[in-house]
Amino acid sequence: MHLAEHVLGLEIFEGDVFIDQLDHFKEAGAMGTAAVITPIGSITQGDKKHVFYSETEVGPLTRALYDELTGIQFGDKEGPEGWIQKVEF
């Protein structure tokens, strides 16, 4: 959420999203403790199917967020203050 808002300039929110509100979203993704984003192509309820950006291609916003996050993880991009901790052996 931090990267989406502060790096990509996207408006973010936390809250419930109801099935009849899906048309408000251009793209959708799922994130977990592995800290990557997986695009969601569509959501189906009964006979109604909502397709986000594409069922076969990653959307540009999802790709930008993924690239930013993995860039930080691999050290190719600088992370926000306090995100990177040097571990010495």
PDB file of N, CA and C in Angstrom:
ATOM      1  N   MET A   1       0.826  -1.181   0.000  1.00  0.00           N
ATOM      2  CA  MET A   1       0.000   0.000   0.000  1.00  0.00           C
ATOM      3  C   MET A   1       0.875   1.252   0.000  1.00  0.00           C
ATOM      4  N   HIS A   2       1.968   1.187   0.747  1.00  0.00           N
ATOM      5  CA  HIS A   2       2.870   2.335   0.794  1.00  0.00           C
ATOM      6  C   HIS A   2       3.428   2.645  -0.594  1.00  0.00           C
ATOM      7  N   LEU A   3       3.889   1.626  -1.288  1.00  0.00           N
ATOM      8  CA  LEU A   3       4.450   1.829  -2.625  1.00  0.00           C
ATOM      9  C   LEU A   3       3.387   2.343  -3.591  1.00  0.00           C
ATOM     10  N   ALA A   4       2.202   1.778  -3.531  1.00  0.00           N
ATOM     11  CA  ALA A   4       1.124   2.213  -4.426  1.00  0.00           C
ATOM     12  C   ALA A   4       0.830   3.696  -4.231  1.00  0.00           C
ATOM     13  N   GLU A   5       0.754   4.116  -2.988  1.00  0.00           N
ATOM     14  CA  GLU A   5       0.404   5.512  -2.704  1.00  0.00           C
ATOM     15  C   GLU A   5       1.580   6.465  -2.905  1.00  0.00           C
ATOM     16  N   HIS A   6       2.720   6.144  -2.307  1.00  0.00           N
ATOM     17  CA  HIS A   6       3.825   7.102  -2.253  1.00  0.00           C
ATOM     18  C   HIS A   6       4.777   7.046  -3.440  1.00  0.00           C
ATOM     19  N   VAL A   7       4.863   5.917  -4.100  1.00  0.00           N
ATOM     20  CA  VAL A   7       5.766   5.805  -5.250  1.00  0.00           C
ATOM     21  C   VAL A   7       4.991   5.911  -6.562  1.00  0.00           C
ATOM     22  N   LEU A   8       3.864   5.200  -6.652  1.00  0.00           N
ATOM     23  CA  LEU A   8       3.095   5.198  -7.897  1.00  0.00           C
ATOM     24  C   LEU A   8       2.017   6.274  -7.928  1.00  0.00           C
ATOM     25  N   GLY A   9       1.764   6.924  -6.804  1.00  0.00           N
ATOM     26  CA  GLY A   9       0.790   8.013  -6.759  1.00  0.00           C
ATOM     27  C   GLY A   9      -0.654   7.567  -6.868  1.00  0.00           C
ATOM     28  N   LEU A  10      -0.948   6.335  -6.477  1.00  0.00           N
ATOM     29  CA  LEU A  10      -2.310   5.812  -6.558  1.00  0.00           C
ATOM     30  C   LEU A  10      -3.087   6.129  -5.288  1.00  0.00           C
ATOM     31  N   GLU A  11      -4.380   6.257  -5.423  1.00  0.00           N
ATOM     32  CA  GLU A  11      -5.245   6.419  -4.257  1.00  0.00           C
ATOM     33  C   GLU A  11      -5.486   5.038  -3.669  1.00  0.00           C
ATOM     34  N   ILE A  12      -5.295   4.902  -2.377  1.00  0.00           N
ATOM     35  CA  ILE A  12      -5.489   3.603  -1.736  1.00  0.00           C
ATOM     36  C   ILE A  12      -6.578   3.691  -0.681  1.00  0.00           C
ATOM     37  N   PHE A  13      -7.132   2.537  -0.332  1.00  0.00           N
ATOM     38  CA  PHE A  13      -8.075   2.453   0.782  1.00  0.00           C
ATOM     39  C   PHE A  13      -8.074   1.026   1.295  1.00  0.00           C
ATOM     40  N   GLU A  14      -8.488   0.862   2.527  1.00  0.00           N
ATOM     41  CA  GLU A  14      -8.692  -0.455   3.108  1.00  0.00           C
ATOM     42  C   GLU A  14     -10.168  -0.561   3.442  1.00  0.00           C
ATOM     43  N   GLY A  15     -10.783  -1.663   3.056  1.00  0.00           N
ATOM     44  CA  GLY A  15     -12.189  -1.849   3.368  1.00  0.00           C
ATOM     45  C   GLY A  15     -12.785  -2.955   2.540  1.00  0.00           C
ATOM     46  N   ASP A  16     -14.040  -3.203   2.766  1.00  0.00           N
ATOM     47  CA  ASP A  16     -14.752  -4.245   2.029  1.00  0.00           C
ATOM     48  C   ASP A  16     -15.032  -3.789   0.601  1.00  0.00           C
ATOM     49  N   VAL A  17     -14.968  -4.736  -0.317  1.00  0.00           N
ATOM     50  CA  VAL A  17     -15.357  -4.488  -1.699  1.00  0.00           C
ATOM     51  C   VAL A  17     -16.471  -5.492  -2.011  1.00  0.00           C
ATOM     52  N   PHE A  18     -17.622  -4.973  -2.378  1.00  0.00           N
ATOM     53  CA  PHE A  18     -18.759  -5.835  -2.646  1.00  0.00           C
ATOM     54  C   PHE A  18     -18.834  -6.161  -4.134  1.00  0.00           C
ATOM     55  N   ILE A  19     -19.420  -7.288  -4.447  1.00  0.00           N
ATOM     56  CA  ILE A  19     -19.461  -7.803  -5.814  1.00  0.00           C
ATOM     57  C   ILE A  19     -20.071  -6.800  -6.790  1.00  0.00           C
ATOM     58  N   ASP A  20     -21.029  -6.012  -6.336  1.00  0.00           N
ATOM     59  CA  ASP A  20     -21.657  -5.037  -7.235  1.00  0.00           C
ATOM     60  C   ASP A  20     -20.824  -3.760  -7.398  1.00  0.00           C
ATOM     61  N   GLN A  21     -19.642  -3.700  -6.766  1.00  0.00           N
ATOM     62  CA  GLN A  21     -18.744  -2.553  -6.887  1.00  0.00           C
ATOM     63  C   GLN A  21     -17.519  -2.856  -7.747  1.00  0.00           C
ATOM     64  N   LEU A  22     -17.421  -4.039  -8.302  1.00  0.00           N
ATOM     65  CA  LEU A  22     -16.223  -4.429  -9.045  1.00  0.00           C
ATOM     66  C   LEU A  22     -15.970  -3.556 -10.268  1.00  0.00           C
ATOM     67  N   ASP A  23     -17.013  -2.988 -10.839  1.00  0.00           N
ATOM     68  CA  ASP A  23     -16.840  -2.133 -12.017  1.00  0.00           C
ATOM     69  C   ASP A  23     -16.036  -0.867 -11.709  1.00  0.00           C
ATOM     70  N   HIS A  24     -15.826  -0.556 -10.435  1.00  0.00           N
ATOM     71  CA  HIS A  24     -15.061   0.626 -10.046  1.00  0.00           C
ATOM     72  C   HIS A  24     -13.548   0.397 -10.127  1.00  0.00           C
ATOM     73  N   PHE A  25     -13.131  -0.850 -10.388  1.00  0.00           N
ATOM     74  CA  PHE A  25     -11.719  -1.201 -10.340  1.00  0.00           C
ATOM     75  C   PHE A  25     -11.194  -1.608 -11.712  1.00  0.00           C
ATOM     76  N   LYS A  26     -10.071  -0.998 -12.123  1.00  0.00           N
ATOM     77  CA  LYS A  26      -9.438  -1.319 -13.407  1.00  0.00           C
ATOM     78  C   LYS A  26      -8.663  -2.621 -13.322  1.00  0.00           C
ATOM     79  N   GLU A  27      -8.026  -2.850 -12.184  1.00  0.00           N
ATOM     80  CA  GLU A  27      -7.201  -4.031 -11.978  1.00  0.00           C
ATOM     81  C   GLU A  27      -7.413  -4.540 -10.563  1.00  0.00           C
ATOM     82  N   ALA A  28      -7.044  -5.793 -10.341  1.00  0.00           N
ATOM     83  CA  ALA A  28      -7.111  -6.371  -8.999  1.00  0.00           C
ATOM     84  C   ALA A  28      -5.940  -7.321  -8.837  1.00  0.00           C
ATOM     85  N   GLY A  29      -5.461  -7.429  -7.605  1.00  0.00           N
ATOM     86  CA  GLY A  29      -4.359  -8.329  -7.330  1.00  0.00           C
ATOM     87  C   GLY A  29      -4.462  -8.849  -5.915  1.00  0.00           C
ATOM     88  N   ALA A  30      -3.758  -9.932  -5.662  1.00  0.00           N
ATOM     89  CA  ALA A  30      -3.714 -10.530  -4.331  1.00  0.00           C
ATOM     90  C   ALA A  30      -2.280 -10.493  -3.826  1.00  0.00           C
ATOM     91  N   MET A  31      -2.130 -10.181  -2.551  1.00  0.00           N
ATOM     92  CA  MET A  31      -0.807 -10.152  -1.926  1.00  0.00           C
ATOM     93  C   MET A  31      -0.860 -10.972  -0.655  1.00  0.00           C
ATOM     94  N   GLY A  32       0.296 -11.507  -0.293  1.00  0.00           N
ATOM     95  CA  GLY A  32       0.384 -12.289   0.932  1.00  0.00           C
ATOM     96  C   GLY A  32       1.705 -12.071   1.622  1.00  0.00           C
ATOM     97  N   THR A  33       2.035 -12.974   2.533  1.00  0.00           N
ATOM     98  CA  THR A  33       3.251 -12.821   3.323  1.00  0.00           C
ATOM     99  C   THR A  33       4.514 -12.982   2.489  1.00  0.00           C
ATOM    100  N   ALA A  34       4.419 -13.539   1.303  1.00  0.00           N
ATOM    101  CA  ALA A  34       5.580 -13.650   0.431  1.00  0.00           C
ATOM    102  C   ALA A  34       5.918 -12.299  -0.197  1.00  0.00           C
ATOM    103  N   ALA A  35       5.071 -11.309  -0.023  1.00  0.00           N
ATOM    104  CA  ALA A  35       5.296  -9.933  -0.463  1.00  0.00           C
ATOM    105  C   ALA A  35       5.493  -9.793  -1.961  1.00  0.00           C
ATOM    106  N   VAL A  36       4.672 -10.447  -2.716  1.00  0.00           N
ATOM    107  CA  VAL A  36       4.584 -10.224  -4.162  1.00  0.00           C
ATOM    108  C   VAL A  36       3.122 -10.001  -4.492  1.00  0.00           C
ATOM    109  N   ILE A  37       2.842  -9.581  -5.697  1.00  0.00           N
ATOM    110  CA  ILE A  37       1.455  -9.363  -6.099  1.00  0.00           C
ATOM    111  C   ILE A  37       1.124 -10.289  -7.263  1.00  0.00           C
ATOM    112  N   THR A  38      -0.034 -10.898  -7.192  1.00  0.00           N
ATOM    113  CA  THR A  38      -0.514 -11.778  -8.249  1.00  0.00           C
ATOM    114  C   THR A  38      -1.761 -11.145  -8.853  1.00  0.00           C
ATOM    115  N   PRO A  39      -1.771 -10.942 -10.165  1.00  0.00           N
ATOM    116  CA  PRO A  39      -2.946 -10.318 -10.776  1.00  0.00           C
ATOM    117  C   PRO A  39      -4.169 -11.229 -10.703  1.00  0.00           C
ATOM    118  N   ILE A  40      -5.330 -10.617 -10.539  1.00  0.00           N
ATOM    119  CA  ILE A  40      -6.604 -11.336 -10.597  1.00  0.00           C
ATOM    120  C   ILE A  40      -7.254 -10.950 -11.918  1.00  0.00           C
ATOM    121  N   GLY A  41      -7.463 -11.928 -12.779  1.00  0.00           N
ATOM    122  CA  GLY A  41      -8.020 -11.653 -14.102  1.00  0.00           C
ATOM    123  C   GLY A  41      -9.511 -11.409 -14.080  1.00  0.00           C
ATOM    124  N   SER A  42     -10.230 -12.196 -13.277  1.00  0.00           N
ATOM    125  CA  SER A  42     -11.686 -12.055 -13.238  1.00  0.00           C
ATOM    126  C   SER A  42     -12.236 -12.639 -11.949  1.00  0.00           C
ATOM    127  N   ILE A  43     -13.458 -12.258 -11.644  1.00  0.00           N
ATOM    128  CA  ILE A  43     -14.216 -12.821 -10.529  1.00  0.00           C
ATOM    129  C   ILE A  43     -15.590 -13.182 -11.072  1.00  0.00           C
ATOM    130  N   THR A  44     -16.015 -14.401 -10.788  1.00  0.00           N
ATOM    131  CA  THR A  44     -17.314 -14.885 -11.249  1.00  0.00           C
ATOM    132  C   THR A  44     -18.198 -15.190 -10.048  1.00  0.00           C
ATOM    133  N   GLN A  45     -19.431 -14.702 -10.110  1.00  0.00           N
ATOM    134  CA  GLN A  45     -20.432 -15.048  -9.109  1.00  0.00           C
ATOM    135  C   GLN A  45     -21.690 -15.447  -9.858  1.00  0.00           C
ATOM    136  N   GLY A  46     -22.073 -16.681  -9.714  1.00  0.00           N
ATOM    137  CA  GLY A  46     -23.236 -17.175 -10.448  1.00  0.00           C
ATOM    138  C   GLY A  46     -22.992 -17.076 -11.943  1.00  0.00           C
ATOM    139  N   ASP A  47     -23.905 -16.418 -12.648  1.00  0.00           N
ATOM    140  CA  ASP A  47     -23.779 -16.252 -14.096  1.00  0.00           C
ATOM    141  C   ASP A  47     -23.027 -14.983 -14.486  1.00  0.00           C
ATOM    142  N   LYS A  48     -22.674 -14.154 -13.513  1.00  0.00           N
ATOM    143  CA  LYS A  48     -22.021 -12.881 -13.821  1.00  0.00           C
ATOM    144  C   LYS A  48     -20.508 -12.999 -13.636  1.00  0.00           C
ATOM    145  N   LYS A  49     -19.790 -12.594 -14.670  1.00  0.00           N
ATOM    146  CA  LYS A  49     -18.332 -12.632 -14.647  1.00  0.00           C
ATOM    147  C   LYS A  49     -17.809 -11.219 -14.860  1.00  0.00           C
ATOM    148  N   HIS A  50     -16.947 -10.765 -13.945  1.00  0.00           N
ATOM    149  CA  HIS A  50     -16.326  -9.455 -14.094  1.00  0.00           C
ATOM    150  C   HIS A  50     -14.858  -9.662 -14.451  1.00  0.00           C
ATOM    151  N   VAL A  51     -14.443  -9.150 -15.594  1.00  0.00           N
ATOM    152  CA  VAL A  51     -13.050  -9.214 -16.020  1.00  0.00           C
ATOM    153  C   VAL A  51     -12.410  -7.872 -15.703  1.00  0.00           C
ATOM    154  N   PHE A  52     -11.269  -7.918 -15.029  1.00  0.00           N
ATOM    155  CA  PHE A  52     -10.539  -6.690 -14.726  1.00  0.00           C
ATOM    156  C   PHE A  52      -9.751  -6.291 -15.970  1.00  0.00           C
ATOM    157  N   TYR A  53      -8.484  -6.017 -15.888  1.00  0.00           N
ATOM    158  CA  TYR A  53      -7.706  -5.575 -17.052  1.00  0.00           C
ATOM    159  C   TYR A  53      -7.720  -6.630 -18.154  1.00  0.00           C
ATOM    160  N   SER A  54      -7.399  -7.867 -17.802  1.00  0.00           N
ATOM    161  CA  SER A  54      -7.324  -8.963 -18.772  1.00  0.00           C
ATOM    162  C   SER A  54      -7.255 -10.269 -18.001  1.00  0.00           C
ATOM    163  N   GLU A  55      -7.766 -11.319 -18.600  1.00  0.00           N
ATOM    164  CA  GLU A  55      -7.632 -12.633 -17.977  1.00  0.00           C
ATOM    165  C   GLU A  55      -6.313 -13.304 -18.348  1.00  0.00           C
ATOM    166  N   THR A  56      -5.597 -12.750 -19.306  1.00  0.00           N
ATOM    167  CA  THR A  56      -4.364 -13.400 -19.765  1.00  0.00           C
ATOM    168  C   THR A  56      -3.121 -12.533 -19.647  1.00  0.00           C
ATOM    169  N   GLU A  57      -3.272 -11.228 -19.413  1.00  0.00           N
ATOM    170  CA  GLU A  57      -2.132 -10.323 -19.334  1.00  0.00           C
ATOM    171  C   GLU A  57      -2.156  -9.550 -18.019  1.00  0.00           C
ATOM    172  N   VAL A  58      -0.974  -9.222 -17.544  1.00  0.00           N
ATOM    173  CA  VAL A  58      -0.859  -8.409 -16.335  1.00  0.00           C
ATOM    174  C   VAL A  58      -1.098  -6.946 -16.703  1.00  0.00           C
ATOM    175  N   GLY A  59      -1.916  -6.270 -15.933  1.00  0.00           N
ATOM    176  CA  GLY A  59      -2.205  -4.864 -16.200  1.00  0.00           C
ATOM    177  C   GLY A  59      -1.025  -3.968 -15.852  1.00  0.00           C
ATOM    178  N   PRO A  60      -0.989  -2.757 -16.402  1.00  0.00           N
ATOM    179  CA  PRO A  60       0.151  -1.866 -16.185  1.00  0.00           C
ATOM    180  C   PRO A  60       0.345  -1.423 -14.731  1.00  0.00           C
ATOM    181  N   LEU A  61      -0.725  -1.245 -13.987  1.00  0.00           N
ATOM    182  CA  LEU A  61      -0.591  -0.847 -12.587  1.00  0.00           C
ATOM    183  C   LEU A  61      -0.057  -2.000 -11.738  1.00  0.00           C
ATOM    184  N   THR A  62      -0.582  -3.184 -11.975  1.00  0.00           N
ATOM    185  CA  THR A  62      -0.114  -4.368 -11.251  1.00  0.00           C
ATOM    186  C   THR A  62       1.350  -4.629 -11.583  1.00  0.00           C
ATOM    187  N   ARG A  63       1.713  -4.488 -12.849  1.00  0.00           N
ATOM    188  CA  ARG A  63       3.106  -4.700 -13.276  1.00  0.00           C
ATOM    189  C   ARG A  63       4.024  -3.669 -12.625  1.00  0.00           C
ATOM    190  N   ALA A  64       3.601  -2.424 -12.576  1.00  0.00           N
ATOM    191  CA  ALA A  64       4.427  -1.375 -11.972  1.00  0.00           C
ATOM    192  C   ALA A  64       4.640  -1.631 -10.483  1.00  0.00           C
ATOM    193  N   LEU A  65       3.598  -2.056  -9.791  1.00  0.00           N
ATOM    194  CA  LEU A  65       3.718  -2.353  -8.367  1.00  0.00           C
ATOM    195  C   LEU A  65       4.634  -3.554  -8.143  1.00  0.00           C
ATOM    196  N   TYR A  66       4.461  -4.594  -8.952  1.00  0.00           N
ATOM    197  CA  TYR A  66       5.318  -5.783  -8.865  1.00  0.00           C
ATOM    198  C   TYR A  66       6.780  -5.414  -9.123  1.00  0.00           C
ATOM    199  N   ASP A  67       7.027  -4.642 -10.172  1.00  0.00           N
ATOM    200  CA  ASP A  67       8.394  -4.251 -10.518  1.00  0.00           C
ATOM    201  C   ASP A  67       9.034  -3.416  -9.417  1.00  0.00           C
ATOM    202  N   GLU A  68       8.270  -2.527  -8.825  1.00  0.00           N
ATOM    203  CA  GLU A  68       8.786  -1.689  -7.748  1.00  0.00           C
ATOM    204  C   GLU A  68       9.161  -2.550  -6.543  1.00  0.00           C
ATOM    205  N   LEU A  69       8.268  -3.427  -6.149  1.00  0.00           N
ATOM    206  CA  LEU A  69       8.499  -4.265  -4.972  1.00  0.00           C
ATOM    207  C   LEU A  69       9.656  -5.231  -5.183  1.00  0.00           C
ATOM    208  N   THR A  70       9.689  -5.927  -6.297  1.00  0.00           N
ATOM    209  CA  THR A  70      10.785  -6.875  -6.537  1.00  0.00           C
ATOM    210  C   THR A  70      12.100  -6.139  -6.774  1.00  0.00           C
ATOM    211  N   GLY A  71      12.048  -4.939  -7.323  1.00  0.00           N
ATOM    212  CA  GLY A  71      13.255  -4.139  -7.476  1.00  0.00           C
ATOM    213  C   GLY A  71      13.886  -3.828  -6.124  1.00  0.00           C
ATOM    214  N   ILE A  72      13.053  -3.522  -5.147  1.00  0.00           N
ATOM    215  CA  ILE A  72      13.540  -3.273  -3.783  1.00  0.00           C
ATOM    216  C   ILE A  72      14.086  -4.569  -3.184  1.00  0.00           C
ATOM    217  N   GLN A  73      13.359  -5.658  -3.355  1.00  0.00           N
ATOM    218  CA  GLN A  73      13.783  -6.939  -2.790  1.00  0.00           C
ATOM    219  C   GLN A  73      15.144  -7.382  -3.331  1.00  0.00           C
ATOM    220  N   PHE A  74      15.388  -7.149  -4.612  1.00  0.00           N
ATOM    221  CA  PHE A  74      16.643  -7.577  -5.240  1.00  0.00           C
ATOM    222  C   PHE A  74      17.747  -6.525  -5.145  1.00  0.00           C
ATOM    223  N   GLY A  75      17.447  -5.368  -4.570  1.00  0.00           N
ATOM    224  CA  GLY A  75      18.450  -4.338  -4.394  1.00  0.00           C
ATOM    225  C   GLY A  75      18.670  -3.458  -5.608  1.00  0.00           C
ATOM    226  N   ASP A  76      17.801  -3.571  -6.614  1.00  0.00           N
ATOM    227  CA  ASP A  76      17.921  -2.747  -7.809  1.00  0.00           C
ATOM    228  C   ASP A  76      17.300  -1.360  -7.621  1.00  0.00           C
ATOM    229  N   LYS A  77      16.422  -1.240  -6.636  1.00  0.00           N
ATOM    230  CA  LYS A  77      15.767   0.035  -6.339  1.00  0.00           C
ATOM    231  C   LYS A  77      15.897   0.293  -4.848  1.00  0.00           C
ATOM    232  N   GLU A  78      15.939   1.554  -4.499  1.00  0.00           N
ATOM    233  CA  GLU A  78      16.033   1.911  -3.094  1.00  0.00           C
ATOM    234  C   GLU A  78      14.658   1.818  -2.442  1.00  0.00           C
ATOM    235  N   GLY A  79      14.615   1.204  -1.287  1.00  0.00           N
ATOM    236  CA  GLY A  79      13.359   1.069  -0.565  1.00  0.00           C
ATOM    237  C   GLY A  79      13.071   2.286   0.287  1.00  0.00           C
ATOM    238  N   PRO A  80      11.827   2.437   0.709  1.00  0.00           N
ATOM    239  CA  PRO A  80      11.470   3.524   1.617  1.00  0.00           C
ATOM    240  C   PRO A  80      12.281   3.440   2.918  1.00  0.00           C
ATOM    241  N   GLU A  81      12.394   4.551   3.588  1.00  0.00           N
ATOM    242  CA  GLU A  81      13.141   4.635   4.848  1.00  0.00           C
ATOM    243  C   GLU A  81      12.731   3.526   5.812  1.00  0.00           C
ATOM    244  N   GLY A  82      13.715   2.778   6.286  1.00  0.00           N
ATOM    245  CA  GLY A  82      13.477   1.730   7.274  1.00  0.00           C
ATOM    246  C   GLY A  82      13.086   0.373   6.709  1.00  0.00           C
ATOM    247  N   TRP A  83      12.934   0.265   5.395  1.00  0.00           N
ATOM    248  CA  TRP A  83      12.527  -1.015   4.808  1.00  0.00           C
ATOM    249  C   TRP A  83      13.678  -2.004   4.688  1.00  0.00           C
ATOM    250  N   ILE A  84      14.883  -1.516   4.498  1.00  0.00           N
ATOM    251  CA  ILE A  84      16.026  -2.386   4.265  1.00  0.00           C
ATOM    252  C   ILE A  84      16.873  -2.449   5.548  1.00  0.00           C
ATOM    253  N   GLN A  85      17.150  -3.658   5.979  1.00  0.00           N
ATOM    254  CA  GLN A  85      17.984  -3.870   7.147  1.00  0.00           C
ATOM    255  C   GLN A  85      19.201  -4.692   6.737  1.00  0.00           C
ATOM    256  N   LYS A  86      20.377  -4.171   6.992  1.00  0.00           N
ATOM    257  CA  LYS A  86      21.592  -4.881   6.657  1.00  0.00           C
ATOM    258  C   LYS A  86      21.824  -5.972   7.703  1.00  0.00           C
ATOM    259  N   VAL A  87      22.065  -7.172   7.230  1.00  0.00           N
ATOM    260  CA  VAL A  87      22.332  -8.304   8.106  1.00  0.00           C
ATOM    261  C   VAL A  87      23.779  -8.717   7.889  1.00  0.00           C
ATOM    262  N   GLU A  88      24.540  -8.725   8.947  1.00  0.00           N
ATOM    263  CA  GLU A  88      25.948  -9.107   8.838  1.00  0.00           C
ATOM    264  C   GLU A  88      26.151 -10.449   9.540  1.00  0.00           C
ATOM    265  N   PHE A  89      27.020 -11.243   8.943  1.00  0.00           N
ATOM    266  CA  PHE A  89      27.336 -12.570   9.514  1.00  0.00           C
ATOM    267  C   PHE A  89      28.691 -12.550  10.144  1.00  0.00           C
TER     268      PHE A  89
END
